[in-house]
PDB file of all heavy atoms in Angstrom:
ATOM      1  N   HIS A   1      -7.770  -3.132 -38.233  1.00  0.00           N
ATOM      2  CA  HIS A   1      -7.784  -3.625 -36.922  1.00  0.00           C
ATOM      3  C   HIS A   1      -7.030  -2.675 -35.965  1.00  0.00           C
ATOM      4  O   HIS A   1      -5.830  -2.366 -36.203  1.00  0.00           O
ATOM      5  CB  HIS A   1      -7.124  -5.029 -36.837  1.00  0.00           C
ATOM      6  CG  HIS A   1      -6.900  -5.642 -35.567  1.00  0.00           C
ATOM      7  ND1 HIS A   1      -8.002  -6.398 -34.863  1.00  0.00           N
ATOM      8  CD2 HIS A   1      -5.866  -5.637 -34.617  1.00  0.00           C
ATOM      9  CE1 HIS A   1      -7.606  -6.704 -33.750  1.00  0.00           C
ATOM     10  NE2 HIS A   1      -6.268  -6.310 -33.533  1.00  0.00           N
ATOM     11  N   LEU A   2      -7.506  -2.237 -34.841  1.00  0.00           N
ATOM     12  CA  LEU A   2      -6.829  -1.422 -33.964  1.00  0.00           C
ATOM     13  C   LEU A   2      -6.382  -2.160 -32.769  1.00  0.00           C
ATOM     14  O   LEU A   2      -7.152  -2.885 -32.140  1.00  0.00           O
ATOM     15  CB  LEU A   2      -7.831  -0.281 -33.539  1.00  0.00           C
ATOM     16  CG  LEU A   2      -7.176   0.728 -32.549  1.00  0.00           C
ATOM     17  CD1 LEU A   2      -6.516   1.823 -33.250  1.00  0.00           C
ATOM     18  CD2 LEU A   2      -8.282   1.156 -31.565  1.00  0.00           C
ATOM     19  N   LEU A   3      -5.092  -1.995 -32.600  1.00  0.00           N
ATOM     20  CA  LEU A   3      -4.558  -2.765 -31.326  1.00  0.00           C
ATOM     21  C   LEU A   3      -4.385  -1.583 -30.238  1.00  0.00           C
ATOM     22  O   LEU A   3      -3.553  -0.755 -30.537  1.00  0.00           O
ATOM     23  CB  LEU A   3      -3.278  -3.493 -31.584  1.00  0.00           C
ATOM     24  CG  LEU A   3      -2.589  -4.108 -30.439  1.00  0.00           C
ATOM     25  CD1 LEU A   3      -3.509  -5.197 -29.838  1.00  0.00           C
ATOM     26  CD2 LEU A   3      -1.231  -4.685 -30.858  1.00  0.00           C
ATOM     27  N   GLY A   4      -5.089  -1.615 -29.131  1.00  0.00           N
ATOM     28  CA  GLY A   4      -5.018  -0.542 -28.111  1.00  0.00           C
ATOM     29  C   GLY A   4      -4.392  -1.179 -26.938  1.00  0.00           C
ATOM     30  O   GLY A   4      -4.784  -2.266 -26.306  1.00  0.00           O
ATOM     31  N   LEU A   5      -3.501  -0.401 -26.410  1.00  0.00           N
ATOM     32  CA  LEU A   5      -2.719  -0.839 -25.178  1.00  0.00           C
ATOM     33  C   LEU A   5      -2.911   0.259 -24.175  1.00  0.00           C
ATOM     34  O   LEU A   5      -2.736   1.463 -24.388  1.00  0.00           O
ATOM     35  CB  LEU A   5      -1.237  -1.061 -25.419  1.00  0.00           C
ATOM     36  CG  LEU A   5      -0.960  -2.100 -26.575  1.00  0.00           C
ATOM     37  CD1 LEU A   5       0.603  -2.185 -26.778  1.00  0.00           C
ATOM     38  CD2 LEU A   5      -1.376  -3.497 -25.985  1.00  0.00           C
ATOM     39  N   HIS A   6      -3.354  -0.142 -23.012  1.00  0.00           N
ATOM     40  CA  HIS A   6      -3.621   0.811 -21.832  1.00  0.00           C
ATOM     41  C   HIS A   6      -2.652   0.663 -20.777  1.00  0.00           C
ATOM     42  O   HIS A   6      -2.568  -0.400 -20.088  1.00  0.00           O
ATOM     43  CB  HIS A   6      -5.010   0.508 -21.440  1.00  0.00           C
ATOM     44  CG  HIS A   6      -5.605   1.325 -20.441  1.00  0.00           C
ATOM     45  ND1 HIS A   6      -6.178   2.519 -20.649  1.00  0.00           N
ATOM     46  CD2 HIS A   6      -5.883   1.002 -19.037  1.00  0.00           C
ATOM     47  CE1 HIS A   6      -6.673   3.096 -19.541  1.00  0.00           C
ATOM     48  NE2 HIS A   6      -6.475   2.169 -18.631  1.00  0.00           N
ATOM     49  N   MET A   7      -1.847   1.702 -20.445  1.00  0.00           N
ATOM     50  CA  MET A   7      -0.819   1.554 -19.393  1.00  0.00           C
ATOM     51  C   MET A   7      -1.129   2.551 -18.233  1.00  0.00           C
ATOM     52  O   MET A   7      -1.407   3.669 -18.415  1.00  0.00           O
ATOM     53  CB  MET A   7       0.560   2.109 -20.062  1.00  0.00           C
ATOM     54  CG  MET A   7       0.844   1.564 -21.421  1.00  0.00           C
ATOM     55  SD  MET A   7       1.308  -0.136 -21.356  1.00  0.00           S
ATOM     56  CE  MET A   7       2.099  -0.385 -22.905  1.00  0.00           C
ATOM     57  N   HIS A   8      -1.058   2.030 -16.990  1.00  0.00           N
ATOM     58  CA  HIS A   8      -1.357   2.818 -15.783  1.00  0.00           C
ATOM     59  C   HIS A   8      -0.700   2.049 -14.640  1.00  0.00           C
ATOM     60  O   HIS A   8      -0.707   1.016 -14.550  1.00  0.00           O
ATOM     61  CB  HIS A   8      -2.906   2.868 -15.671  1.00  0.00           C
ATOM     62  CG  HIS A   8      -3.403   3.277 -14.287  1.00  0.00           C
ATOM     63  ND1 HIS A   8      -3.073   4.703 -13.997  1.00  0.00           N
ATOM     64  CD2 HIS A   8      -3.856   2.814 -13.241  1.00  0.00           C
ATOM     65  CE1 HIS A   8      -3.528   4.941 -12.721  1.00  0.00           C
ATOM     66  NE2 HIS A   8      -4.064   3.877 -12.246  1.00  0.00           N
ATOM     67  N   GLN A   9      -0.416   2.937 -13.626  1.00  0.00           N
ATOM     68  CA  GLN A   9      -0.010   2.576 -12.340  1.00  0.00           C
ATOM     69  C   GLN A   9      -0.558   3.596 -11.375  1.00  0.00           C
ATOM     70  O   GLN A   9      -0.390   4.830 -11.623  1.00  0.00           O
ATOM     71  CB  GLN A   9       1.560   2.408 -12.020  1.00  0.00           C
ATOM     72  CG  GLN A   9       2.195   1.330 -12.947  1.00  0.00           C
ATOM     73  CD  GLN A   9       1.750  -0.073 -12.266  1.00  0.00           C
ATOM     74  OE1 GLN A   9       1.706  -0.275 -11.072  1.00  0.00           O
ATOM     75  NE2 GLN A   9       1.529  -0.984 -13.148  1.00  0.00           N
ATOM     76  N   PRO A  10      -0.998   3.127 -10.319  1.00  0.00           N
ATOM     77  CA  PRO A  10      -1.545   4.141  -9.254  1.00  0.00           C
ATOM     78  C   PRO A  10      -0.493   4.871  -8.737  1.00  0.00           C
ATOM     79  O   PRO A  10       0.792   4.540  -8.893  1.00  0.00           O
ATOM     80  CB  PRO A  10      -2.092   3.246  -8.108  1.00  0.00           C
ATOM     81  CG  PRO A  10      -2.378   1.815  -8.778  1.00  0.00           C
ATOM     82  CD  PRO A  10      -1.506   1.732  -9.925  1.00  0.00           C
ATOM     83  N   PRO A  11      -0.683   5.974  -8.078  1.00  0.00           N
ATOM     84  CA  PRO A  11       0.358   6.972  -7.617  1.00  0.00           C
ATOM     85  C   PRO A  11       1.399   6.173  -6.752  1.00  0.00           C
ATOM     86  O   PRO A  11       0.906   5.386  -5.808  1.00  0.00           O
ATOM     87  CB  PRO A  11      -0.331   8.056  -6.825  1.00  0.00           C
ATOM     88  CG  PRO A  11      -1.719   8.050  -7.272  1.00  0.00           C
ATOM     89  CD  PRO A  11      -2.045   6.653  -7.847  1.00  0.00           C
ATOM     90  N   ASP A  12       2.657   6.349  -7.000  1.00  0.00           N
ATOM     91  CA  ASP A  12       3.768   5.903  -6.164  1.00  0.00           C
ATOM     92  C   ASP A  12       3.963   4.231  -6.274  1.00  0.00           C
ATOM     93  O   ASP A  12       4.578   3.709  -5.581  1.00  0.00           O
ATOM     94  CB  ASP A  12       3.660   6.277  -4.685  1.00  0.00           C
ATOM     95  CG  ASP A  12       5.079   6.472  -4.082  1.00  0.00           C
ATOM     96  OD1 ASP A  12       5.949   6.684  -4.722  1.00  0.00           O
ATOM     97  OD2 ASP A  12       5.107   6.136  -2.817  1.00  0.00           O
ATOM     98  N   ASN A  13       3.151   3.674  -7.224  1.00  0.00           N
ATOM     99  CA  ASN A  13       3.197   2.192  -7.214  1.00  0.00           C
ATOM    100  C   ASN A  13       4.421   1.690  -7.758  1.00  0.00           C
ATOM    101  O   ASN A  13       4.956   0.572  -7.314  1.00  0.00           O
ATOM    102  CB  ASN A  13       1.950   1.683  -7.928  1.00  0.00           C
ATOM    103  CG  ASN A  13       1.636   0.317  -7.556  1.00  0.00           C
ATOM    104  OD1 ASN A  13       1.554  -0.062  -6.406  1.00  0.00           O
ATOM    105  ND2 ASN A  13       1.500  -0.518  -8.560  1.00  0.00           N
ATOM    106  N   LEU A  14       5.108   2.408  -8.744  1.00  0.00           N
ATOM    107  CA  LEU A  14       6.393   1.793  -9.289  1.00  0.00           C
ATOM    108  C   LEU A  14       7.522   1.860  -8.188  1.00  0.00           C
ATOM    109  O   LEU A  14       8.250   0.796  -8.139  1.00  0.00           O
ATOM    110  CB  LEU A  14       6.898   2.724 -10.390  1.00  0.00           C
ATOM    111  CG  LEU A  14       5.993   2.659 -11.690  1.00  0.00           C
ATOM    112  CD1 LEU A  14       6.540   3.470 -12.825  1.00  0.00           C
ATOM    113  CD2 LEU A  14       5.936   1.133 -12.282  1.00  0.00           C
ATOM    114  N   ARG A  15       7.433   2.763  -7.234  1.00  0.00           N
ATOM    115  CA  ARG A  15       8.485   2.724  -6.193  1.00  0.00           C
ATOM    116  C   ARG A  15       8.065   1.591  -5.245  1.00  0.00           C
ATOM    117  O   ARG A  15       8.978   0.823  -4.824  1.00  0.00           O
ATOM    118  CB  ARG A  15       8.413   4.007  -5.268  1.00  0.00           C
ATOM    119  CG  ARG A  15       9.483   4.095  -4.248  1.00  0.00           C
ATOM    120  CD  ARG A  15       9.160   5.052  -3.267  1.00  0.00           C
ATOM    121  NE  ARG A  15       7.798   4.994  -2.634  1.00  0.00           N
ATOM    122  CZ  ARG A  15       7.387   4.052  -1.760  1.00  0.00           C
ATOM    123  NH1 ARG A  15       8.140   3.081  -1.373  1.00  0.00           N
ATOM    124  NH2 ARG A  15       6.186   3.987  -1.300  1.00  0.00           N
ATOM    125  N   LEU A  16       6.870   1.420  -4.880  1.00  0.00           N
ATOM    126  CA  LEU A  16       6.437   0.294  -4.000  1.00  0.00           C
ATOM    127  C   LEU A  16       6.775  -0.963  -4.620  1.00  0.00           C
ATOM    128  O   LEU A  16       7.334  -1.879  -3.882  1.00  0.00           O
ATOM    129  CB  LEU A  16       4.857   0.467  -3.737  1.00  0.00           C
ATOM    130  CG  LEU A  16       4.273  -0.637  -2.961  1.00  0.00           C
ATOM    131  CD1 LEU A  16       4.735  -0.591  -1.475  1.00  0.00           C
ATOM    132  CD2 LEU A  16       2.830  -0.498  -2.995  1.00  0.00           C
ATOM    133  N   LEU A  17       6.455  -1.211  -5.926  1.00  0.00           N
ATOM    134  CA  LEU A  17       6.760  -2.480  -6.502  1.00  0.00           C
ATOM    135  C   LEU A  17       8.354  -2.730  -6.440  1.00  0.00           C
ATOM    136  O   LEU A  17       8.719  -3.861  -6.171  1.00  0.00           O
ATOM    137  CB  LEU A  17       6.466  -2.480  -8.025  1.00  0.00           C
ATOM    138  CG  LEU A  17       4.951  -2.765  -8.269  1.00  0.00           C
ATOM    139  CD1 LEU A  17       4.587  -2.358  -9.761  1.00  0.00           C
ATOM    140  CD2 LEU A  17       4.544  -4.105  -7.851  1.00  0.00           C
ATOM    141  N   ILE A  18       9.150  -1.715  -6.922  1.00  0.00           N
ATOM    142  CA  ILE A  18      10.672  -2.162  -6.863  1.00  0.00           C
ATOM    143  C   ILE A  18      11.102  -2.281  -5.485  1.00  0.00           C
ATOM    144  O   ILE A  18      12.203  -2.984  -5.335  1.00  0.00           O
ATOM    145  CB  ILE A  18      11.373  -0.936  -7.603  1.00  0.00           C
ATOM    146  CG1 ILE A  18      12.777  -1.472  -8.090  1.00  0.00           C
ATOM    147  CG2 ILE A  18      11.557   0.200  -6.912  1.00  0.00           C
ATOM    148  CD1 ILE A  18      12.855  -2.292  -9.306  1.00  0.00           C
ATOM    149  N   ASP A  19      10.568  -1.679  -4.485  1.00  0.00           N
ATOM    150  CA  ASP A  19      10.955  -1.918  -3.106  1.00  0.00           C
ATOM    151  C   ASP A  19      10.466  -3.213  -2.447  1.00  0.00           C
ATOM    152  O   ASP A  19      11.219  -3.851  -1.619  1.00  0.00           O
ATOM    153  CB  ASP A  19      10.350  -0.730  -2.163  1.00  0.00           C
ATOM    154  CG  ASP A  19      11.193   0.574  -2.382  1.00  0.00           C
ATOM    155  OD1 ASP A  19      12.137   0.637  -3.078  1.00  0.00           O
ATOM    156  OD2 ASP A  19      10.692   1.630  -2.025  1.00  0.00           O
ATOM    157  N   SER A  20       9.348  -3.775  -3.039  1.00  0.00           N
ATOM    158  CA  SER A  20       8.724  -4.955  -2.262  1.00  0.00           C
ATOM    159  C   SER A  20       8.763  -6.232  -3.136  1.00  0.00           C
ATOM    160  O   SER A  20       8.663  -7.333  -2.604  1.00  0.00           O
ATOM    161  CB  SER A  20       7.355  -4.598  -1.950  1.00  0.00           C
ATOM    162  OG  SER A  20       6.575  -4.356  -3.080  1.00  0.00           O
ATOM    163  N   ASN A  21       8.728  -5.999  -4.505  1.00  0.00           N
ATOM    164  CA  ASN A  21       8.634  -7.212  -5.291  1.00  0.00           C
ATOM    165  C   ASN A  21       9.375  -6.964  -6.619  1.00  0.00           C
ATOM    166  O   ASN A  21       8.885  -6.686  -7.658  1.00  0.00           O
ATOM    167  CB  ASN A  21       7.209  -7.550  -5.554  1.00  0.00           C
ATOM    168  CG  ASN A  21       7.017  -8.762  -6.176  1.00  0.00           C
ATOM    169  OD1 ASN A  21       7.849  -9.414  -6.951  1.00  0.00           O
ATOM    170  ND2 ASN A  21       5.811  -9.510  -6.138  1.00  0.00           N
ATOM    171  N   ASP A  22      10.674  -7.209  -6.651  1.00  0.00           N
ATOM    172  CA  ASP A  22      11.610  -6.971  -7.717  1.00  0.00           C
ATOM    173  C   ASP A  22      11.138  -7.680  -8.962  1.00  0.00           C
ATOM    174  O   ASP A  22      11.187  -7.174 -10.124  1.00  0.00           O
ATOM    175  CB  ASP A  22      13.014  -7.413  -7.326  1.00  0.00           C
ATOM    176  CG  ASP A  22      14.015  -7.074  -8.430  1.00  0.00           C
ATOM    177  OD1 ASP A  22      14.140  -5.810  -8.643  1.00  0.00           O
ATOM    178  OD2 ASP A  22      14.603  -7.951  -9.013  1.00  0.00           O
ATOM    179  N   TRP A  23      10.714  -8.993  -8.810  1.00  0.00           N
ATOM    180  CA  TRP A  23      10.334  -9.777 -10.029  1.00  0.00           C
ATOM    181  C   TRP A  23       9.074  -9.141 -10.701  1.00  0.00           C
ATOM    182  O   TRP A  23       9.090  -8.904 -11.798  1.00  0.00           O
ATOM    183  CB  TRP A  23       9.937 -11.199  -9.698  1.00  0.00           C
ATOM    184  CG  TRP A  23       9.624 -12.073 -10.698  1.00  0.00           C
ATOM    185  CD1 TRP A  23      10.466 -12.857 -11.622  1.00  0.00           C
ATOM    186  CD2 TRP A  23       8.318 -12.266 -11.297  1.00  0.00           C
ATOM    187  NE1 TRP A  23       9.734 -13.340 -12.542  1.00  0.00           N
ATOM    188  CE2 TRP A  23       8.467 -13.114 -12.284  1.00  0.00           C
ATOM    189  CE3 TRP A  23       7.026 -11.784 -11.038  1.00  0.00           C
ATOM    190  CZ2 TRP A  23       7.240 -13.478 -13.198  1.00  0.00           C
ATOM    191  CZ3 TRP A  23       5.881 -12.139 -11.712  1.00  0.00           C
ATOM    192  CH2 TRP A  23       6.050 -13.002 -12.793  1.00  0.00           C
ATOM    193  N   GLU A  24       8.119  -8.739  -9.824  1.00  0.00           N
ATOM    194  CA  GLU A  24       6.852  -8.158 -10.484  1.00  0.00           C
ATOM    195  C   GLU A  24       7.241  -6.913 -10.984  1.00  0.00           C
ATOM    196  O   GLU A  24       6.685  -6.507 -12.128  1.00  0.00           O
ATOM    197  CB  GLU A  24       5.733  -7.970  -9.303  1.00  0.00           C
ATOM    198  CG  GLU A  24       4.446  -7.554  -9.909  1.00  0.00           C
ATOM    199  CD  GLU A  24       3.420  -7.557  -8.944  1.00  0.00           C
ATOM    200  OE1 GLU A  24       3.499  -8.121  -7.857  1.00  0.00           O
ATOM    201  OE2 GLU A  24       2.272  -6.859  -9.195  1.00  0.00           O
ATOM    202  N   ALA A  25       8.081  -5.974 -10.267  1.00  0.00           N
ATOM    203  CA  ALA A  25       8.427  -4.667 -10.937  1.00  0.00           C
ATOM    204  C   ALA A  25       9.034  -4.959 -12.297  1.00  0.00           C
ATOM    205  O   ALA A  25       8.800  -4.197 -13.253  1.00  0.00           O
ATOM    206  CB  ALA A  25       9.395  -3.998  -9.969  1.00  0.00           C
ATOM    207  N   ARG A  26      10.082  -5.940 -12.390  1.00  0.00           N
ATOM    208  CA  ARG A  26      10.635  -6.054 -13.714  1.00  0.00           C
ATOM    209  C   ARG A  26       9.681  -6.503 -14.667  1.00  0.00           C
ATOM    210  O   ARG A  26       9.754  -6.037 -15.931  1.00  0.00           O
ATOM    211  CB  ARG A  26      11.654  -7.321 -13.343  1.00  0.00           C
ATOM    212  CG  ARG A  26      12.410  -7.640 -14.693  1.00  0.00           C
ATOM    213  CD  ARG A  26      13.396  -8.830 -14.376  1.00  0.00           C
ATOM    214  NE  ARG A  26      14.335  -8.956 -15.418  1.00  0.00           N
ATOM    215  CZ  ARG A  26      15.354  -8.198 -15.607  1.00  0.00           C
ATOM    216  NH1 ARG A  26      15.570  -7.063 -14.887  1.00  0.00           N
ATOM    217  NH2 ARG A  26      16.153  -8.344 -16.667  1.00  0.00           N
ATOM    218  N   GLN A  27       8.749  -7.392 -14.522  1.00  0.00           N
ATOM    219  CA  GLN A  27       7.796  -7.777 -15.432  1.00  0.00           C
ATOM    220  C   GLN A  27       6.934  -6.715 -15.946  1.00  0.00           C
ATOM    221  O   GLN A  27       6.619  -6.584 -17.154  1.00  0.00           O
ATOM    222  CB  GLN A  27       6.819  -8.983 -14.956  1.00  0.00           C
ATOM    223  CG  GLN A  27       7.544 -10.228 -14.457  1.00  0.00           C
ATOM    224  CD  GLN A  27       8.646 -10.610 -15.385  1.00  0.00           C
ATOM    225  OE1 GLN A  27       8.319 -10.933 -16.530  1.00  0.00           O
ATOM    226  NE2 GLN A  27       9.875 -10.776 -15.025  1.00  0.00           N
ATOM    227  N   ILE A  28       6.373  -5.776 -15.011  1.00  0.00           N
ATOM    228  CA  ILE A  28       5.560  -4.623 -15.363  1.00  0.00           C
ATOM    229  C   ILE A  28       6.398  -3.752 -16.349  1.00  0.00           C
ATOM    230  O   ILE A  28       5.924  -3.251 -17.380  1.00  0.00           O
ATOM    231  CB  ILE A  28       5.075  -3.985 -14.166  1.00  0.00           C
ATOM    232  CG1 ILE A  28       4.053  -4.890 -13.536  1.00  0.00           C
ATOM    233  CG2 ILE A  28       4.521  -2.575 -14.470  1.00  0.00           C
ATOM    234  CD1 ILE A  28       3.520  -4.421 -12.211  1.00  0.00           C
ATOM    235  N   MET A  29       7.657  -3.461 -15.960  1.00  0.00           N
ATOM    236  CA  MET A  29       8.440  -2.433 -16.708  1.00  0.00           C
ATOM    237  C   MET A  29       8.852  -3.091 -18.199  1.00  0.00           C
ATOM    238  O   MET A  29       8.758  -2.332 -19.210  1.00  0.00           O
ATOM    239  CB  MET A  29       9.762  -2.181 -15.924  1.00  0.00           C
ATOM    240  CG  MET A  29      10.360  -0.870 -16.561  1.00  0.00           C
ATOM    241  SD  MET A  29       9.393   0.514 -16.673  1.00  0.00           S
ATOM    242  CE  MET A  29       9.088   0.938 -15.021  1.00  0.00           C
ATOM    243  N   LEU A  30       8.943  -4.382 -18.224  1.00  0.00           N
ATOM    244  CA  LEU A  30       9.184  -4.937 -19.395  1.00  0.00           C
ATOM    245  C   LEU A  30       7.920  -4.953 -20.312  1.00  0.00           C
ATOM    246  O   LEU A  30       8.069  -4.813 -21.669  1.00  0.00           O
ATOM    247  CB  LEU A  30       9.674  -6.353 -19.432  1.00  0.00           C
ATOM    248  CG  LEU A  30      11.182  -6.516 -18.729  1.00  0.00           C
ATOM    249  CD1 LEU A  30      11.431  -7.997 -18.481  1.00  0.00           C
ATOM    250  CD2 LEU A  30      12.172  -5.890 -19.793  1.00  0.00           C
ATOM    251  N   CYS A  31       6.832  -5.095 -19.772  1.00  0.00           N
ATOM    252  CA  CYS A  31       5.580  -4.944 -20.489  1.00  0.00           C
ATOM    253  C   CYS A  31       5.298  -3.522 -21.039  1.00  0.00           C
ATOM    254  O   CYS A  31       4.803  -3.475 -22.167  1.00  0.00           O
ATOM    255  CB  CYS A  31       4.309  -5.209 -19.641  1.00  0.00           C
ATOM    256  SG  CYS A  31       4.124  -6.909 -19.098  1.00  0.00           S
TER     257      CYS A  31
END
């Protein structure tokens, strides 16, 4: 059984998230 995880964020999205939605940024980084 292969478990595949696919990680991506559009350009500059991590900065946008931490600037605009701290809760969502936190959840994504923990993922």
